[in-house]
Amino acid sequence: MKLSRKQRFFSQHLALLIQRAAQLGYEVTMGDVYRDPEWQQVMVRRGKSKTLESRHLKRLAVDLFLWKDDNVTWDCDDYQPLGEWWENLSPAHVWGGSWKMRDCVHFEVHP
């Protein structure tokens, strides 16, 4: 599948993810959707990422922040229902909260 098709698939499913977050009572903001290679190198040096092959480099990942009552949450337990929903929506979906080095705000599409 061409990269542009994967990006459109991800964008369509990202819209569903945001709607699901609203159904769970959250508003959302987005962090990185795209990272250039230089910024990814910085993220690895800072220990914020383990790979130079991040899906952010191809616009196939998003860091999504959940808000309730004007407060952002960093608690992985709050992201768990959304992450499980994301991974069940498609076999191509990966939630960072399932990783050994948990990244609960991270949602991506794999090949």
N, C-alpha and C. Protein backbone atom coordinates (compact mmCIF):
# COMPACT_ATOMS: atom_id res chain seq x y z
N MET A 1 0.85 -1.17 0.00
CA MET A 1 0.00 0.00 0.00
C MET A 1 0.90 1.24 0.00
N LYS A 2 0.56 2.21 -0.84
CA LYS A 2 1.32 3.44 -0.92
C LYS A 2 1.22 4.22 0.38
N LEU A 3 2.28 4.98 0.68
CA LEU A 3 2.30 5.78 1.90
C LEU A 3 1.12 6.74 1.96
N SER A 4 0.79 7.38 0.86
CA SER A 4 -0.33 8.34 0.88
C SER A 4 -1.64 7.65 1.25
N ARG A 5 -1.82 6.41 0.85
CA ARG A 5 -3.03 5.66 1.20
C ARG A 5 -3.02 5.33 2.69
N LYS A 6 -1.86 4.94 3.22
CA LYS A 6 -1.75 4.67 4.66
C LYS A 6 -2.05 5.92 5.47
N GLN A 7 -1.56 7.08 4.99
CA GLN A 7 -1.82 8.34 5.69
C GLN A 7 -3.31 8.67 5.68
N ARG A 8 -3.99 8.43 4.59
CA ARG A 8 -5.43 8.68 4.54
C ARG A 8 -6.18 7.72 5.45
N PHE A 9 -5.77 6.47 5.48
CA PHE A 9 -6.37 5.49 6.39
C PHE A 9 -6.20 5.95 7.83
N PHE A 10 -4.97 6.36 8.18
CA PHE A 10 -4.70 6.83 9.53
C PHE A 10 -5.54 8.06 9.86
N SER A 11 -5.62 9.00 8.96
CA SER A 11 -6.41 10.23 9.21
C SER A 11 -7.88 9.92 9.45
N GLN A 12 -8.43 9.03 8.66
CA GLN A 12 -9.84 8.64 8.84
C GLN A 12 -10.04 7.98 10.19
N HIS A 13 -9.15 7.12 10.58
CA HIS A 13 -9.28 6.43 11.86
C HIS A 13 -8.95 7.34 13.04
N LEU A 14 -8.08 8.33 12.81
CA LEU A 14 -7.80 9.32 13.85
C LEU A 14 -9.08 10.11 14.17
N ALA A 15 -9.85 10.43 13.16
CA ALA A 15 -11.13 11.12 13.40
C ALA A 15 -12.04 10.26 14.28
N LEU A 16 -12.07 8.97 14.03
CA LEU A 16 -12.87 8.06 14.86
C LEU A 16 -12.34 8.00 16.29
N LEU A 17 -11.02 8.03 16.42
CA LEU A 17 -10.39 8.00 17.75
C LEU A 17 -10.77 9.24 18.56
N ILE A 18 -10.76 10.38 17.91
CA ILE A 18 -11.14 11.62 18.60
C ILE A 18 -12.61 11.58 19.00
N GLN A 19 -13.46 11.06 18.12
CA GLN A 19 -14.88 10.90 18.47
C GLN A 19 -15.06 9.96 19.64
N ARG A 20 -14.30 8.88 19.66
CA ARG A 20 -14.39 7.92 20.77
C ARG A 20 -13.96 8.57 22.08
N ALA A 21 -12.91 9.37 22.04
CA ALA A 21 -12.47 10.08 23.24
C ALA A 21 -13.59 10.98 23.76
N ALA A 22 -14.29 11.65 22.87
CA ALA A 22 -15.42 12.51 23.27
C ALA A 22 -16.53 11.68 23.91
N GLN A 23 -16.79 10.50 23.36
CA GLN A 23 -17.81 9.62 23.94
C GLN A 23 -17.42 9.19 25.36
N LEU A 24 -16.13 9.10 25.61
CA LEU A 24 -15.63 8.73 26.94
C LEU A 24 -15.55 9.94 27.88
N GLY A 25 -15.93 11.12 27.38
CA GLY A 25 -15.99 12.31 28.22
C GLY A 25 -14.76 13.19 28.17
N TYR A 26 -13.90 13.01 27.17
CA TYR A 26 -12.67 13.79 27.07
C TYR A 26 -12.71 14.74 25.87
N GLU A 27 -12.01 15.84 26.02
CA GLU A 27 -11.62 16.66 24.89
C GLU A 27 -10.18 16.28 24.60
N VAL A 28 -9.69 16.61 23.41
CA VAL A 28 -8.32 16.23 23.06
C VAL A 28 -7.56 17.39 22.45
N THR A 29 -6.26 17.35 22.63
CA THR A 29 -5.33 18.15 21.84
C THR A 29 -4.29 17.19 21.30
N MET A 30 -3.60 17.63 20.26
CA MET A 30 -2.61 16.76 19.64
C MET A 30 -1.21 17.32 19.82
N GLY A 31 -0.30 16.43 20.09
CA GLY A 31 1.12 16.76 20.07
C GLY A 31 1.65 16.41 18.69
N ASP A 32 2.78 15.77 18.65
CA ASP A 32 3.41 15.47 17.36
C ASP A 32 2.55 14.54 16.52
N VAL A 33 2.31 14.98 15.30
CA VAL A 33 1.79 14.11 14.26
C VAL A 33 2.93 13.86 13.27
N TYR A 34 3.67 14.90 12.96
CA TYR A 34 4.84 14.77 12.10
C TYR A 34 6.08 15.22 12.86
N ARG A 35 7.15 14.48 12.69
CA ARG A 35 8.48 14.86 13.17
C ARG A 35 9.45 14.76 12.01
N ASP A 36 10.29 15.76 11.86
CA ASP A 36 11.35 15.62 10.86
C ASP A 36 12.47 14.76 11.45
N PRO A 37 13.33 14.22 10.62
CA PRO A 37 14.37 13.31 11.10
C PRO A 37 15.29 13.93 12.16
N GLU A 38 15.58 15.23 12.03
CA GLU A 38 16.45 15.88 13.01
C GLU A 38 15.79 15.91 14.39
N TRP A 39 14.49 16.23 14.43
CA TRP A 39 13.78 16.26 15.72
C TRP A 39 13.69 14.85 16.30
N GLN A 40 13.53 13.85 15.47
CA GLN A 40 13.49 12.48 15.96
C GLN A 40 14.82 12.11 16.60
N GLN A 41 15.91 12.55 16.03
CA GLN A 41 17.22 12.30 16.62
C GLN A 41 17.32 12.95 18.00
N VAL A 42 16.79 14.15 18.14
CA VAL A 42 16.77 14.82 19.44
C VAL A 42 15.94 14.01 20.44
N MET A 43 14.79 13.51 20.01
CA MET A 43 13.92 12.73 20.88
C MET A 43 14.64 11.46 21.37
N VAL A 44 15.41 10.83 20.50
CA VAL A 44 16.17 9.64 20.89
C VAL A 44 17.27 10.03 21.88
N ARG A 45 18.01 11.10 21.59
CA ARG A 45 19.07 11.54 22.51
C ARG A 45 18.53 11.88 23.90
N ARG A 46 17.33 12.45 23.95
CA ARG A 46 16.71 12.81 25.23
C ARG A 46 16.06 11.62 25.93
N GLY A 47 16.03 10.47 25.28
CA GLY A 47 15.41 9.29 25.86
C GLY A 47 13.90 9.27 25.74
N LYS A 48 13.35 10.14 24.91
CA LYS A 48 11.89 10.21 24.72
C LYS A 48 11.42 9.23 23.65
N SER A 49 12.35 8.69 22.89
CA SER A 49 12.05 7.69 21.86
C SER A 49 13.21 6.71 21.81
N LYS A 50 12.91 5.50 21.40
CA LYS A 50 13.94 4.45 21.30
C LYS A 50 14.36 4.18 19.86
N THR A 51 13.72 4.85 18.90
CA THR A 51 13.97 4.51 17.50
C THR A 51 14.12 5.75 16.62
N LEU A 52 14.91 5.59 15.59
CA LEU A 52 15.00 6.62 14.55
C LEU A 52 14.01 6.34 13.42
N GLU A 53 13.20 5.30 13.58
CA GLU A 53 12.22 4.89 12.57
C GLU A 53 10.79 5.15 13.05
N SER A 54 10.58 6.20 13.81
CA SER A 54 9.25 6.51 14.35
C SER A 54 8.21 6.65 13.24
N ARG A 55 7.00 6.21 13.54
CA ARG A 55 5.88 6.37 12.60
C ARG A 55 5.52 7.85 12.43
N HIS A 56 5.94 8.70 13.36
CA HIS A 56 5.72 10.14 13.22
C HIS A 56 6.43 10.69 11.97
N LEU A 57 7.55 10.07 11.60
CA LEU A 57 8.31 10.53 10.44
C LEU A 57 7.50 10.40 9.15
N LYS A 58 6.53 9.50 9.16
CA LYS A 58 5.72 9.25 7.96
C LYS A 58 4.28 9.72 8.13
N ARG A 59 4.03 10.48 9.19
CA ARG A 59 2.68 10.99 9.49
C ARG A 59 1.69 9.84 9.70
N LEU A 60 2.16 8.81 10.40
CA LEU A 60 1.32 7.64 10.69
C LEU A 60 1.17 7.43 12.19
N ALA A 61 1.41 8.49 12.96
CA ALA A 61 1.28 8.42 14.42
C ALA A 61 0.86 9.79 14.94
N VAL A 62 0.26 9.75 16.13
CA VAL A 62 -0.12 10.99 16.81
C VAL A 62 0.09 10.81 18.31
N ASP A 63 0.46 11.88 18.96
CA ASP A 63 0.43 11.93 20.41
C ASP A 63 -0.83 12.72 20.76
N LEU A 64 -1.75 12.05 21.43
CA LEU A 64 -3.07 12.61 21.71
C LEU A 64 -3.20 12.81 23.21
N PHE A 65 -3.54 14.03 23.61
CA PHE A 65 -3.64 14.36 25.03
C PHE A 65 -5.10 14.49 25.43
N LEU A 66 -5.47 13.79 26.49
CA LEU A 66 -6.85 13.78 26.98
C LEU A 66 -7.05 14.86 28.03
N TRP A 67 -8.15 15.60 27.89
CA TRP A 67 -8.50 16.69 28.80
C TRP A 67 -9.87 16.45 29.39
N LYS A 68 -10.01 16.74 30.66
CA LYS A 68 -11.30 16.70 31.34
C LYS A 68 -11.31 17.83 32.36
N ASP A 69 -12.39 18.61 32.35
CA ASP A 69 -12.52 19.74 33.27
C ASP A 69 -11.31 20.68 33.18
N ASP A 70 -10.87 20.97 31.99
CA ASP A 70 -9.75 21.89 31.73
C ASP A 70 -8.40 21.40 32.28
N ASN A 71 -8.28 20.11 32.53
CA ASN A 71 -7.02 19.54 33.00
C ASN A 71 -6.61 18.38 32.11
N VAL A 72 -5.34 18.38 31.71
CA VAL A 72 -4.82 17.26 30.93
C VAL A 72 -4.48 16.12 31.90
N THR A 73 -4.68 14.91 31.45
CA THR A 73 -4.31 13.75 32.26
C THR A 73 -3.12 13.03 31.63
N TRP A 74 -2.22 12.57 32.47
CA TRP A 74 -1.07 11.79 32.04
C TRP A 74 -1.18 10.37 32.57
N ASP A 75 -2.27 10.07 33.25
CA ASP A 75 -2.48 8.76 33.88
C ASP A 75 -2.83 7.73 32.81
N CYS A 76 -1.98 6.71 32.67
CA CYS A 76 -2.22 5.67 31.65
C CYS A 76 -3.56 4.97 31.85
N ASP A 77 -4.05 4.90 33.07
CA ASP A 77 -5.35 4.28 33.31
C ASP A 77 -6.46 5.02 32.58
N ASP A 78 -6.32 6.34 32.44
CA ASP A 78 -7.32 7.12 31.71
C ASP A 78 -7.27 6.82 30.22
N TYR A 79 -6.10 6.50 29.70
CA TYR A 79 -5.92 6.21 28.27
C TYR A 79 -6.26 4.76 27.92
N GLN A 80 -6.27 3.89 28.91
CA GLN A 80 -6.44 2.46 28.67
C GLN A 80 -7.68 2.12 27.83
N PRO A 81 -8.89 2.61 28.20
CA PRO A 81 -10.05 2.24 27.38
C PRO A 81 -9.94 2.72 25.93
N LEU A 82 -9.36 3.90 25.74
CA LEU A 82 -9.19 4.42 24.40
C LEU A 82 -8.13 3.62 23.63
N GLY A 83 -7.05 3.28 24.30
CA GLY A 83 -6.00 2.48 23.66
C GLY A 83 -6.49 1.10 23.25
N GLU A 84 -7.25 0.46 24.14
CA GLU A 84 -7.80 -0.85 23.80
C GLU A 84 -8.78 -0.75 22.65
N TRP A 85 -9.60 0.29 22.65
CA TRP A 85 -10.55 0.50 21.56
C TRP A 85 -9.80 0.68 20.25
N TRP A 86 -8.72 1.49 20.26
CA TRP A 86 -7.92 1.74 19.07
C TRP A 86 -7.34 0.45 18.51
N GLU A 87 -6.76 -0.37 19.37
CA GLU A 87 -6.15 -1.60 18.89
C GLU A 87 -7.18 -2.61 18.38
N ASN A 88 -8.40 -2.54 18.88
CA ASN A 88 -9.45 -3.43 18.41
C ASN A 88 -10.13 -2.93 17.14
N LEU A 89 -9.95 -1.65 16.81
CA LEU A 89 -10.57 -1.08 15.61
C LEU A 89 -9.97 -1.67 14.34
N SER A 90 -8.66 -1.94 14.36
CA SER A 90 -7.99 -2.48 13.18
C SER A 90 -6.72 -3.22 13.62
N PRO A 91 -6.40 -4.32 12.94
CA PRO A 91 -5.15 -5.02 13.27
C PRO A 91 -3.91 -4.18 12.95
N ALA A 92 -4.07 -3.11 12.18
CA ALA A 92 -2.95 -2.24 11.84
C ALA A 92 -2.65 -1.22 12.95
N HIS A 93 -3.54 -1.11 13.92
CA HIS A 93 -3.39 -0.09 14.97
C HIS A 93 -2.52 -0.57 16.12
N VAL A 94 -1.70 0.34 16.61
CA VAL A 94 -0.84 0.09 17.76
C VAL A 94 -1.00 1.25 18.73
N TRP A 95 -1.16 0.91 20.00
CA TRP A 95 -1.23 1.92 21.07
C TRP A 95 0.05 1.83 21.89
N GLY A 96 0.69 2.97 22.12
CA GLY A 96 1.94 3.01 22.86
C GLY A 96 1.83 2.54 24.31
N GLY A 97 0.63 2.51 24.85
CA GLY A 97 0.45 2.03 26.21
C GLY A 97 0.64 0.53 26.34
N SER A 98 0.70 -0.17 25.20
CA SER A 98 0.92 -1.62 25.20
C SER A 98 2.40 -1.98 25.15
N TRP A 99 3.25 -0.99 24.97
CA TRP A 99 4.67 -1.25 24.85
C TRP A 99 5.31 -1.44 26.22
N LYS A 100 6.49 -2.07 26.21
CA LYS A 100 7.25 -2.25 27.45
C LYS A 100 7.61 -0.88 28.03
N MET A 101 8.13 0.03 27.19
CA MET A 101 8.35 1.41 27.59
C MET A 101 7.08 2.18 27.22
N ARG A 102 6.14 2.22 28.14
CA ARG A 102 4.81 2.75 27.86
C ARG A 102 4.84 4.20 27.40
N ASP A 103 4.04 4.47 26.38
CA ASP A 103 3.85 5.82 25.83
C ASP A 103 2.36 5.95 25.60
N CYS A 104 1.63 6.20 26.67
CA CYS A 104 0.17 6.09 26.65
C CYS A 104 -0.52 7.11 25.77
N VAL A 105 0.15 8.19 25.41
CA VAL A 105 -0.47 9.21 24.56
C VAL A 105 -0.28 8.91 23.08
N HIS A 106 0.45 7.84 22.75
CA HIS A 106 0.85 7.54 21.37
C HIS A 106 -0.09 6.52 20.72
N PHE A 107 -0.56 6.90 19.52
CA PHE A 107 -1.43 6.04 18.71
C PHE A 107 -0.86 6.03 17.29
N GLU A 108 -0.74 4.83 16.71
CA GLU A 108 -0.13 4.75 15.38
C GLU A 108 -0.75 3.65 14.53
N VAL A 109 -0.38 3.70 13.25
CA VAL A 109 -0.73 2.66 12.28
C VAL A 109 0.56 2.00 11.84
N HIS A 110 0.55 0.68 11.82
CA HIS A 110 1.71 -0.09 11.34
C HIS A 110 1.39 -0.65 9.97
N PRO A 111 2.44 -1.01 9.22
CA PRO A 111 2.22 -1.51 7.86
C PRO A 111 1.23 -2.63 7.76
